[in-house]
Amino acid sequence: MFYGWRMVAAGCAMRMLGGGFHLYGFTIFFLPITNELGLSRAATSLVFSLARAEGAIEGPLAGYLIDRFGPRPMMLAGVLLSGIGYMLLATVNSYYALLVVYLGVISLSFSAGFMHSPMVLANTWFIRRRALAMTLISSAIGIGGTLITPLLAFSVQAWGWRYGAFIAGLGLIVAGVPIELLVKRSPESMGLLPDGSLPASTEPREHGAPPSGHAQRPESEADFSLKQAMRTRSFWMLILATTTRVGVYNAITVHFVPIMVWKGASEARAAAMLATMALMSLPSHLLVG
């Protein structure tokens, strides 16, 4: 089996952890933290808003670092900082401490480690099957939301949000570090080619075929520099579409449990509905991909 599919599996596992514990999971903490610290909904929402703004600002830097050092160091940083951050979250007793922990530790490298780096694996290891690889990694967020978020909600309901936060941090580190150790930067670093194509020197040759030096290479693709991409209409349309989608998605997801409780559901039922919403995202991901 082509080693790139192992990289897809590693990317899926990282997205599952990020989706289950953070993207879907943090809404489980919204009401308990708001109530215990005596915050308004607006004050708690501001923390998430600032975190998303932080991710947008650091995005170009994260891309540069991934290009320079590869996805593996960024994954390790994301796992360790997010894990330690959730453990520290269990100790906060004030709004300012919440800001420092969530913005300065948890969110600092989460996007680069759990979101951008896994997708870089799909782009690096595949050309012909890139859409399929990206689809599998992207859909893993919903799997994490379906499997991990209910367990996180149960721990918060049974032992309180502080124990739940500590368990989330421990789970991220224990599960994330071994996954990160399996990551290889590129197929070329292992003497391979994208999509599992054979190098020219080892391509099998039938009788009468041209010498191995003329073996078929992987599909070539157009390469754009950042400046060239920014001159195209397609680049800005992608940014506009992604910004609109992510803005709406985050607003709904972060406030999902509070909205359902406001509409009369219990927190446990709201968590089950959140897991169901995550599950319902899988068919569309796989079909479109």
C-alpha atoms as a PDB file:
ATOM      1  CA  MET A   1       0.000   0.000   0.000  1.00  0.00           C
ATOM      2  CA  PHE A   2       1.236   3.459  -0.899  1.00  0.00           C
ATOM      3  CA  TYR A   3       2.629   5.163   2.199  1.00  0.00           C
ATOM      4  CA  GLY A   4       0.633   8.277   1.370  1.00  0.00           C
ATOM      5  CA  TRP A   5      -2.542   6.562   2.561  1.00  0.00           C
ATOM      6  CA  ARG A   6      -0.905   6.221   5.955  1.00  0.00           C
ATOM      7  CA  MET A   7      -0.369   9.962   5.873  1.00  0.00           C
ATOM      8  CA  VAL A   8      -4.062  10.381   5.068  1.00  0.00           C
ATOM      9  CA  ALA A   9      -4.883   8.168   8.049  1.00  0.00           C
ATOM     10  CA  ALA A  10      -2.626  10.305  10.265  1.00  0.00           C
ATOM     11  CA  GLY A  11      -4.274  13.470   8.944  1.00  0.00           C
ATOM     12  CA  CYS A  12      -7.716  11.995   9.594  1.00  0.00           C
ATOM     13  CA  ALA A  13      -6.737  11.086  13.149  1.00  0.00           C
ATOM     14  CA  MET A  14      -5.475  14.610  13.828  1.00  0.00           C
ATOM     15  CA  ARG A  15      -8.645  16.126  12.408  1.00  0.00           C
ATOM     16  CA  MET A  16     -10.749  13.754  14.531  1.00  0.00           C
ATOM     17  CA  LEU A  17      -8.962  14.905  17.680  1.00  0.00           C
ATOM     18  CA  GLY A  18      -9.268  18.562  16.723  1.00  0.00           C
ATOM     19  CA  GLY A  19     -12.892  18.252  15.714  1.00  0.00           C
ATOM     20  CA  GLY A  20     -13.964  16.213  18.725  1.00  0.00           C
ATOM     21  CA  PHE A  21     -12.137  18.061  21.480  1.00  0.00           C
ATOM     22  CA  HIS A  22     -12.063  21.588  20.091  1.00  0.00           C
ATOM     23  CA  LEU A  23     -14.178  22.570  17.082  1.00  0.00           C
ATOM     24  CA  TYR A  24     -17.272  20.713  18.231  1.00  0.00           C
ATOM     25  CA  GLY A  25     -16.184  20.045  21.781  1.00  0.00           C
ATOM     26  CA  PHE A  26     -15.614  23.530  23.119  1.00  0.00           C
ATOM     27  CA  THR A  27     -19.292  24.432  22.910  1.00  0.00           C
ATOM     28  CA  ILE A  28     -19.749  21.847  25.700  1.00  0.00           C
ATOM     29  CA  PHE A  29     -17.782  24.186  27.997  1.00  0.00           C
ATOM     30  CA  PHE A  30     -19.594  27.360  26.949  1.00  0.00           C
ATOM     31  CA  LEU A  31     -22.416  27.370  29.515  1.00  0.00           C
ATOM     32  CA  PRO A  32     -20.488  25.866  32.480  1.00  0.00           C
ATOM     33  CA  ILE A  33     -17.672  28.400  32.115  1.00  0.00           C
ATOM     34  CA  THR A  34     -20.108  31.275  31.597  1.00  0.00           C
ATOM     35  CA  ASN A  35     -22.125  30.332  34.675  1.00  0.00           C
ATOM     36  CA  GLU A  36     -19.248  29.556  37.037  1.00  0.00           C
ATOM     37  CA  LEU A  37     -17.204  32.651  36.175  1.00  0.00           C
ATOM     38  CA  GLY A  38     -20.308  34.854  36.165  1.00  0.00           C
ATOM     39  CA  LEU A  39     -19.823  36.005  32.583  1.00  0.00           C
ATOM     40  CA  SER A  40     -22.298  37.290  30.047  1.00  0.00           C
ATOM     41  CA  ARG A  41     -22.832  35.387  26.803  1.00  0.00           C
ATOM     42  CA  ALA A  42     -21.263  38.298  24.941  1.00  0.00           C
ATOM     43  CA  ALA A  43     -18.113  38.152  27.097  1.00  0.00           C
ATOM     44  CA  THR A  44     -17.674  34.428  26.501  1.00  0.00           C
ATOM     45  CA  SER A  45     -18.360  34.823  22.779  1.00  0.00           C
ATOM     46  CA  LEU A  46     -15.700  37.525  22.593  1.00  0.00           C
ATOM     47  CA  VAL A  47     -13.073  34.954  23.594  1.00  0.00           C
ATOM     48  CA  PHE A  48     -13.974  32.811  20.598  1.00  0.00           C
ATOM     49  CA  SER A  49     -14.116  35.815  18.285  1.00  0.00           C
ATOM     50  CA  LEU A  50     -10.644  36.935  19.310  1.00  0.00           C
ATOM     51  CA  ALA A  51      -9.371  33.369  18.877  1.00  0.00           C
ATOM     52  CA  ARG A  52     -10.670  33.218  15.317  1.00  0.00           C
ATOM     53  CA  ALA A  53      -9.136  36.619  14.572  1.00  0.00           C
ATOM     54  CA  GLU A  54      -5.850  35.368  16.008  1.00  0.00           C
ATOM     55  CA  GLY A  55      -5.995  32.352  13.716  1.00  0.00           C
ATOM     56  CA  ALA A  56      -6.573  34.583  10.701  1.00  0.00           C
ATOM     57  CA  ILE A  57      -3.623  36.810  11.562  1.00  0.00           C
ATOM     58  CA  GLU A  58      -1.215  33.952  12.198  1.00  0.00           C
ATOM     59  CA  GLY A  59      -2.394  31.992   9.128  1.00  0.00           C
ATOM     60  CA  PRO A  60       0.233  33.365   6.689  1.00  0.00           C
ATOM     61  CA  LEU A  61       2.966  32.783   9.287  1.00  0.00           C
ATOM     62  CA  ALA A  62       1.764  29.223   9.839  1.00  0.00           C
ATOM     63  CA  GLY A  63       1.841  28.617   6.088  1.00  0.00           C
ATOM     64  CA  TYR A  64       5.394  29.916   5.889  1.00  0.00           C
ATOM     65  CA  LEU A  65       6.526  27.690   8.762  1.00  0.00           C
ATOM     66  CA  ILE A  66       4.857  24.618   7.258  1.00  0.00           C
ATOM     67  CA  ASP A  67       6.594  25.320   3.930  1.00  0.00           C
ATOM     68  CA  ARG A  68       9.934  25.755   5.659  1.00  0.00           C
ATOM     69  CA  PHE A  69       9.884  22.991   8.279  1.00  0.00           C
ATOM     70  CA  GLY A  70       7.119  20.665   7.137  1.00  0.00           C
ATOM     71  CA  PRO A  71       3.812  19.741   8.799  1.00  0.00           C
ATOM     72  CA  ARG A  72       5.233  17.498  11.513  1.00  0.00           C
ATOM     73  CA  PRO A  73       6.687  20.221  13.806  1.00  0.00           C
ATOM     74  CA  MET A  74       3.483  22.231  13.521  1.00  0.00           C
ATOM     75  CA  MET A  75       1.417  19.177  14.419  1.00  0.00           C
ATOM     76  CA  LEU A  76       3.584  18.565  17.474  1.00  0.00           C
ATOM     77  CA  ALA A  77       3.269  22.194  18.549  1.00  0.00           C
ATOM     78  CA  GLY A  78      -0.496  22.073  18.067  1.00  0.00           C
ATOM     79  CA  VAL A  79      -0.859  18.876  20.106  1.00  0.00           C
ATOM     80  CA  LEU A  80       1.323  20.021  22.988  1.00  0.00           C
ATOM     81  CA  LEU A  81       0.061  23.600  23.231  1.00  0.00           C
ATOM     82  CA  SER A  82      -3.596  22.618  22.912  1.00  0.00           C
ATOM     83  CA  GLY A  83      -3.226  19.760  25.383  1.00  0.00           C
ATOM     84  CA  ILE A  84      -1.411  21.872  27.951  1.00  0.00           C
ATOM     85  CA  GLY A  85      -3.884  24.690  27.329  1.00  0.00           C
ATOM     86  CA  TYR A  86      -6.883  22.540  28.173  1.00  0.00           C
ATOM     87  CA  MET A  87      -5.179  21.360  31.342  1.00  0.00           C
ATOM     88  CA  LEU A  88      -4.554  24.988  32.291  1.00  0.00           C
ATOM     89  CA  LEU A  89      -8.158  25.801  31.406  1.00  0.00           C
ATOM     90  CA  ALA A  90      -9.214  23.570  34.286  1.00  0.00           C
ATOM     91  CA  THR A  91      -7.526  26.009  36.690  1.00  0.00           C
ATOM     92  CA  VAL A  92      -8.857  29.382  35.474  1.00  0.00           C
ATOM     93  CA  ASN A  93     -10.883  31.433  37.941  1.00  0.00           C
ATOM     94  CA  SER A  94     -11.238  34.750  36.134  1.00  0.00           C
ATOM     95  CA  TYR A  95     -12.129  36.147  32.750  1.00  0.00           C
ATOM     96  CA  TYR A  96      -8.617  37.447  32.158  1.00  0.00           C
ATOM     97  CA  ALA A  97      -7.143  34.039  32.922  1.00  0.00           C
ATOM     98  CA  LEU A  98      -9.585  32.541  30.407  1.00  0.00           C
ATOM     99  CA  LEU A  99      -8.422  35.011  27.775  1.00  0.00           C
ATOM    100  CA  VAL A 100      -4.760  34.243  28.408  1.00  0.00           C
ATOM    101  CA  VAL A 101      -5.197  30.463  28.379  1.00  0.00           C
ATOM    102  CA  TYR A 102      -7.567  30.209  25.423  1.00  0.00           C
ATOM    103  CA  LEU A 103      -5.877  32.817  23.247  1.00  0.00           C
ATOM    104  CA  GLY A 104      -2.272  32.447  24.373  1.00  0.00           C
ATOM    105  CA  VAL A 105      -2.049  28.663  24.643  1.00  0.00           C
ATOM    106  CA  ILE A 106      -4.968  26.670  23.205  1.00  0.00           C
ATOM    107  CA  SER A 107      -5.616  28.692  20.054  1.00  0.00           C
ATOM    108  CA  LEU A 108      -2.042  29.756  19.357  1.00  0.00           C
ATOM    109  CA  SER A 109      -1.154  26.853  17.093  1.00  0.00           C
ATOM    110  CA  PHE A 110      -4.376  24.881  16.892  1.00  0.00           C
ATOM    111  CA  SER A 111      -5.246  25.879  13.324  1.00  0.00           C
ATOM    112  CA  ALA A 112      -1.743  25.182  12.059  1.00  0.00           C
ATOM    113  CA  GLY A 113      -1.416  21.875  13.911  1.00  0.00           C
ATOM    114  CA  PHE A 114      -4.867  20.343  13.529  1.00  0.00           C
ATOM    115  CA  MET A 115      -6.319  22.074  10.475  1.00  0.00           C
ATOM    116  CA  HIS A 116      -3.663  23.264   8.005  1.00  0.00           C
ATOM    117  CA  SER A 117      -0.947  20.625   8.463  1.00  0.00           C
ATOM    118  CA  PRO A 118      -3.171  17.571   7.836  1.00  0.00           C
ATOM    119  CA  MET A 119      -4.434  19.136   4.615  1.00  0.00           C
ATOM    120  CA  VAL A 120      -0.838  19.829   3.548  1.00  0.00           C
ATOM    121  CA  LEU A 121      -0.232  16.081   3.788  1.00  0.00           C
ATOM    122  CA  ALA A 122      -2.978  15.447   1.232  1.00  0.00           C
ATOM    123  CA  ASN A 123      -1.590  18.121  -1.091  1.00  0.00           C
ATOM    124  CA  THR A 124       1.982  16.865  -0.769  1.00  0.00           C
ATOM    125  CA  TRP A 125       1.455  13.133  -1.119  1.00  0.00           C
ATOM    126  CA  PHE A 126      -1.137  13.148  -3.899  1.00  0.00           C
ATOM    127  CA  ILE A 127      -1.795  14.786  -7.266  1.00  0.00           C
ATOM    128  CA  ARG A 128      -4.220  12.572  -9.208  1.00  0.00           C
ATOM    129  CA  ARG A 129      -6.080  11.485  -6.056  1.00  0.00           C
ATOM    130  CA  ARG A 130      -5.727  14.741  -4.189  1.00  0.00           C
ATOM    131  CA  ALA A 131      -9.463  15.456  -4.024  1.00  0.00           C
ATOM    132  CA  LEU A 132     -10.122  12.039  -2.500  1.00  0.00           C
ATOM    133  CA  ALA A 133      -7.322  12.467   0.052  1.00  0.00           C
ATOM    134  CA  MET A 134      -8.524  15.951   0.994  1.00  0.00           C
ATOM    135  CA  THR A 135     -12.100  14.692   1.296  1.00  0.00           C
ATOM    136  CA  LEU A 136     -11.171  11.899   3.693  1.00  0.00           C
ATOM    137  CA  ILE A 137      -9.140  14.216   5.920  1.00  0.00           C
ATOM    138  CA  SER A 138     -11.812  16.916   5.873  1.00  0.00           C
ATOM    139  CA  SER A 139     -14.639  14.504   6.728  1.00  0.00           C
ATOM    140  CA  ALA A 140     -12.739  13.255   9.785  1.00  0.00           C
ATOM    141  CA  ILE A 141     -13.773  16.413  11.651  1.00  0.00           C
ATOM    142  CA  GLY A 142     -17.343  15.181  11.646  1.00  0.00           C
ATOM    143  CA  ILE A 143     -16.254  11.730  12.820  1.00  0.00           C
ATOM    144  CA  GLY A 144     -14.446  13.328  15.746  1.00  0.00           C
ATOM    145  CA  GLY A 145     -17.513  15.383  16.573  1.00  0.00           C
ATOM    146  CA  THR A 146     -19.684  12.267  16.440  1.00  0.00           C
ATOM    147  CA  LEU A 147     -17.462   9.993  18.547  1.00  0.00           C
ATOM    148  CA  ILE A 148     -15.490  12.246  20.898  1.00  0.00           C
ATOM    149  CA  THR A 149     -17.868  15.117  21.699  1.00  0.00           C
ATOM    150  CA  PRO A 150     -20.502  12.923  23.428  1.00  0.00           C
ATOM    151  CA  LEU A 151     -17.797  11.385  25.621  1.00  0.00           C
ATOM    152  CA  LEU A 152     -16.528  14.849  26.472  1.00  0.00           C
ATOM    153  CA  ALA A 153     -20.069  15.979  27.273  1.00  0.00           C
ATOM    154  CA  PHE A 154     -20.549  12.955  29.534  1.00  0.00           C
ATOM    155  CA  SER A 155     -17.352  13.723  31.446  1.00  0.00           C
ATOM    156  CA  VAL A 156     -18.424  17.354  31.921  1.00  0.00           C
ATOM    157  CA  GLN A 157     -21.885  16.303  33.110  1.00  0.00           C
ATOM    158  CA  ALA A 158     -20.521  13.607  35.434  1.00  0.00           C
ATOM    159  CA  TRP A 159     -17.463  15.314  36.948  1.00  0.00           C
ATOM    160  CA  GLY A 160     -17.700  18.989  36.037  1.00  0.00           C
ATOM    161  CA  TRP A 161     -16.193  21.122  33.311  1.00  0.00           C
ATOM    162  CA  ARG A 162     -12.787  21.414  34.997  1.00  0.00           C
ATOM    163  CA  TYR A 163     -12.244  17.662  34.998  1.00  0.00           C
ATOM    164  CA  GLY A 164     -13.625  17.536  31.464  1.00  0.00           C
ATOM    165  CA  ALA A 165     -11.103  20.152  30.311  1.00  0.00           C
ATOM    166  CA  PHE A 166      -8.234  18.270  31.951  1.00  0.00           C
ATOM    167  CA  ILE A 167      -9.354  15.002  30.328  1.00  0.00           C
ATOM    168  CA  ALA A 168      -9.528  16.776  26.951  1.00  0.00           C
ATOM    169  CA  GLY A 169      -5.964  18.065  27.338  1.00  0.00           C
ATOM    170  CA  LEU A 170      -4.649  14.687  28.410  1.00  0.00           C
ATOM    171  CA  GLY A 171      -6.469  12.961  25.545  1.00  0.00           C
ATOM    172  CA  LEU A 172      -5.016  15.355  22.978  1.00  0.00           C
ATOM    173  CA  ILE A 173      -1.446  14.729  24.132  1.00  0.00           C
ATOM    174  CA  VAL A 174      -1.705  10.964  24.690  1.00  0.00           C
ATOM    175  CA  ALA A 175      -3.369  10.349  21.324  1.00  0.00           C
ATOM    176  CA  GLY A 176      -1.804  13.160  19.296  1.00  0.00           C
ATOM    177  CA  VAL A 177       1.925  12.698  19.944  1.00  0.00           C
ATOM    178  CA  PRO A 178       2.104   9.079  18.655  1.00  0.00           C
ATOM    179  CA  ILE A 179       0.164  10.098  15.537  1.00  0.00           C
ATOM    180  CA  GLU A 180       2.522  12.990  14.877  1.00  0.00           C
ATOM    181  CA  LEU A 181       5.562  10.683  15.114  1.00  0.00           C
ATOM    182  CA  LEU A 182       4.312   8.733  12.077  1.00  0.00           C
ATOM    183  CA  VAL A 183       4.222  11.776   9.795  1.00  0.00           C
ATOM    184  CA  LYS A 184       6.728  12.067   6.946  1.00  0.00           C
ATOM    185  CA  ARG A 185       7.213  15.362   5.184  1.00  0.00           C
ATOM    186  CA  SER A 186       6.851  14.251   1.558  1.00  0.00           C
ATOM    187  CA  PRO A 187       7.016  11.182  -0.691  1.00  0.00           C
ATOM    188  CA  GLU A 188      10.342  12.427  -2.080  1.00  0.00           C
ATOM    189  CA  SER A 189      11.824  12.287   1.432  1.00  0.00           C
ATOM    190  CA  MET A 190      11.236   8.518   1.320  1.00  0.00           C
ATOM    191  CA  GLY A 191      12.360   7.990  -2.263  1.00  0.00           C
ATOM    192  CA  LEU A 192       8.762   7.856  -3.521  1.00  0.00           C
ATOM    193  CA  LEU A 193       6.602   9.878  -5.884  1.00  0.00           C
ATOM    194  CA  PRO A 194       3.093  11.303  -5.380  1.00  0.00           C
ATOM    195  CA  ASP A 195       0.166   8.892  -5.822  1.00  0.00           C
ATOM    196  CA  GLY A 196       2.494   5.907  -5.472  1.00  0.00           C
ATOM    197  CA  SER A 197       4.024   6.283  -8.938  1.00  0.00           C
ATOM    198  CA  LEU A 198       7.285   4.418  -9.398  1.00  0.00           C
ATOM    199  CA  PRO A 199      10.523   6.374  -9.881  1.00  0.00           C
ATOM    200  CA  ALA A 200      11.841   6.247 -13.446  1.00  0.00           C
ATOM    201  CA  SER A 201      14.720   3.964 -12.517  1.00  0.00           C
ATOM    202  CA  THR A 202      12.381   1.287 -11.112  1.00  0.00           C
ATOM    203  CA  GLU A 203       9.409   1.582 -13.503  1.00  0.00           C
ATOM    204  CA  PRO A 204       8.666  -1.903 -14.954  1.00  0.00           C
ATOM    205  CA  ARG A 205       9.311  -2.118 -18.704  1.00  0.00           C
ATOM    206  CA  GLU A 206       7.709  -4.495 -21.136  1.00  0.00           C
ATOM    207  CA  HIS A 207       9.419  -5.795 -24.248  1.00  0.00           C
ATOM    208  CA  GLY A 208       9.793  -3.021 -26.773  1.00  0.00           C
ATOM    209  CA  ALA A 209       9.020  -0.258 -24.255  1.00  0.00           C
ATOM    210  CA  PRO A 210      11.287   2.816 -24.058  1.00  0.00           C
ATOM    211  CA  PRO A 211      14.143   2.834 -21.527  1.00  0.00           C
ATOM    212  CA  SER A 212      13.288   3.392 -17.883  1.00  0.00           C
ATOM    213  CA  GLY A 213      14.574   6.942 -18.029  1.00  0.00           C
ATOM    214  CA  HIS A 214      11.508   7.720 -20.174  1.00  0.00           C
ATOM    215  CA  ALA A 215       9.009   6.149 -17.796  1.00  0.00           C
ATOM    216  CA  GLN A 216       5.780   8.015 -17.273  1.00  0.00           C
ATOM    217  CA  ARG A 217       6.050  10.600 -14.542  1.00  0.00           C
ATOM    218  CA  PRO A 218       3.260  11.748 -12.230  1.00  0.00           C
ATOM    219  CA  GLU A 219       0.916  14.332 -13.625  1.00  0.00           C
ATOM    220  CA  SER A 220       2.456  17.769 -13.765  1.00  0.00           C
ATOM    221  CA  GLU A 221       0.542  20.696 -12.353  1.00  0.00           C
ATOM    222  CA  ALA A 222       0.691  24.447 -12.655  1.00  0.00           C
ATOM    223  CA  ASP A 223       2.649  26.103  -9.868  1.00  0.00           C
ATOM    224  CA  PHE A 224       1.783  29.612  -8.694  1.00  0.00           C
ATOM    225  CA  SER A 225       3.823  31.872  -6.488  1.00  0.00           C
ATOM    226  CA  LEU A 226       1.912  33.802  -3.826  1.00  0.00           C
ATOM    227  CA  LYS A 227       2.088  37.008  -5.862  1.00  0.00           C
ATOM    228  CA  GLN A 228       0.868  35.253  -9.004  1.00  0.00           C
ATOM    229  CA  ALA A 229      -2.033  33.651  -7.129  1.00  0.00           C
ATOM    230  CA  MET A 230      -3.067  36.969  -5.611  1.00  0.00           C
ATOM    231  CA  ARG A 231      -3.436  38.417  -9.125  1.00  0.00           C
ATOM    232  CA  THR A 232      -6.105  35.876 -10.054  1.00  0.00           C
ATOM    233  CA  ARG A 233      -9.839  36.240  -9.556  1.00  0.00           C
ATOM    234  CA  SER A 234     -10.121  32.601  -8.497  1.00  0.00           C
ATOM    235  CA  PHE A 235      -7.833  33.148  -5.495  1.00  0.00           C
ATOM    236  CA  TRP A 236      -9.988  35.937  -4.079  1.00  0.00           C
ATOM    237  CA  MET A 237     -13.210  34.072  -4.824  1.00  0.00           C
ATOM    238  CA  LEU A 238     -11.873  31.125  -2.814  1.00  0.00           C
ATOM    239  CA  ILE A 239     -10.996  33.444   0.075  1.00  0.00           C
ATOM    240  CA  LEU A 240     -14.429  35.095  -0.020  1.00  0.00           C
ATOM    241  CA  ALA A 241     -16.256  31.766  -0.134  1.00  0.00           C
ATOM    242  CA  THR A 242     -14.146  30.230   2.637  1.00  0.00           C
ATOM    243  CA  THR A 243     -14.460  33.287   4.869  1.00  0.00           C
ATOM    244  CA  THR A 244     -18.243  33.301   4.496  1.00  0.00           C
ATOM    245  CA  ARG A 245     -18.540  29.579   5.180  1.00  0.00           C
ATOM    246  CA  VAL A 246     -16.193  29.514   8.164  1.00  0.00           C
ATOM    247  CA  GLY A 247     -17.752  32.623   9.699  1.00  0.00           C
ATOM    248  CA  VAL A 248     -21.260  31.161   9.661  1.00  0.00           C
ATOM    249  CA  TYR A 249     -20.087  27.669  10.657  1.00  0.00           C
ATOM    250  CA  ASN A 250     -18.100  28.868  13.681  1.00  0.00           C
ATOM    251  CA  ALA A 251     -20.875  31.158  14.873  1.00  0.00           C
ATOM    252  CA  ILE A 252     -23.380  28.292  14.871  1.00  0.00           C
ATOM    253  CA  THR A 253     -21.040  25.614  16.248  1.00  0.00           C
ATOM    254  CA  VAL A 254     -19.657  27.624  19.160  1.00  0.00           C
ATOM    255  CA  HIS A 255     -23.147  28.600  20.322  1.00  0.00           C
ATOM    256  CA  PHE A 256     -24.875  25.327  19.455  1.00  0.00           C
ATOM    257  CA  VAL A 257     -25.401  24.039  23.012  1.00  0.00           C
ATOM    258  CA  PRO A 258     -26.438  27.451  24.424  1.00  0.00           C
ATOM    259  CA  ILE A 259     -28.938  27.875  21.557  1.00  0.00           C
ATOM    260  CA  MET A 260     -30.456  24.415  22.125  1.00  0.00           C
ATOM    261  CA  VAL A 261     -30.674  25.008  25.886  1.00  0.00           C
ATOM    262  CA  TRP A 262     -32.337  28.355  25.207  1.00  0.00           C
ATOM    263  CA  LYS A 263     -34.863  26.469  23.068  1.00  0.00           C
ATOM    264  CA  GLY A 264     -35.669  24.106  25.945  1.00  0.00           C
ATOM    265  CA  ALA A 265     -33.304  21.150  25.522  1.00  0.00           C
ATOM    266  CA  SER A 266     -31.104  19.833  28.327  1.00  0.00           C
ATOM    267  CA  GLU A 267     -27.341  20.142  27.965  1.00  0.00           C
ATOM    268  CA  ALA A 268     -27.044  16.366  27.544  1.00  0.00           C
ATOM    269  CA  ARG A 269     -29.649  16.358  24.768  1.00  0.00           C
ATOM    270  CA  ALA A 270     -28.016  19.362  23.129  1.00  0.00           C
ATOM    271  CA  ALA A 271     -24.686  17.477  23.104  1.00  0.00           C
ATOM    272  CA  ALA A 272     -26.395  14.494  21.453  1.00  0.00           C
ATOM    273  CA  MET A 273     -27.888  16.824  18.837  1.00  0.00           C
ATOM    274  CA  LEU A 274     -24.423  18.294  18.232  1.00  0.00           C
ATOM    275  CA  ALA A 275     -23.006  14.814  17.631  1.00  0.00           C
ATOM    276  CA  THR A 276     -25.860  14.131  15.221  1.00  0.00           C
ATOM    277  CA  MET A 277     -25.111  17.336  13.324  1.00  0.00           C
ATOM    278  CA  ALA A 278     -21.472  16.260  13.035  1.00  0.00           C
ATOM    279  CA  LEU A 279     -22.537  12.840  11.752  1.00  0.00           C
ATOM    280  CA  MET A 280     -24.808  14.392   9.129  1.00  0.00           C
ATOM    281  CA  SER A 281     -21.845  16.216   7.623  1.00  0.00           C
ATOM    282  CA  LEU A 282     -20.212  12.953   6.477  1.00  0.00           C
ATOM    283  CA  PRO A 283     -22.451  12.089   3.473  1.00  0.00           C
ATOM    284  CA  SER A 284     -22.033  15.528   1.909  1.00  0.00           C
ATOM    285  CA  HIS A 285     -18.261  15.498   2.455  1.00  0.00           C
ATOM    286  CA  LEU A 286     -17.825  12.088   0.844  1.00  0.00           C
ATOM    287  CA  LEU A 287     -20.284  12.720  -1.996  1.00  0.00           C
ATOM    288  CA  VAL A 288     -18.820  16.089  -2.997  1.00  0.00           C
ATOM    289  CA  GLY A 289     -15.278  14.755  -2.730  1.00  0.00           C
END
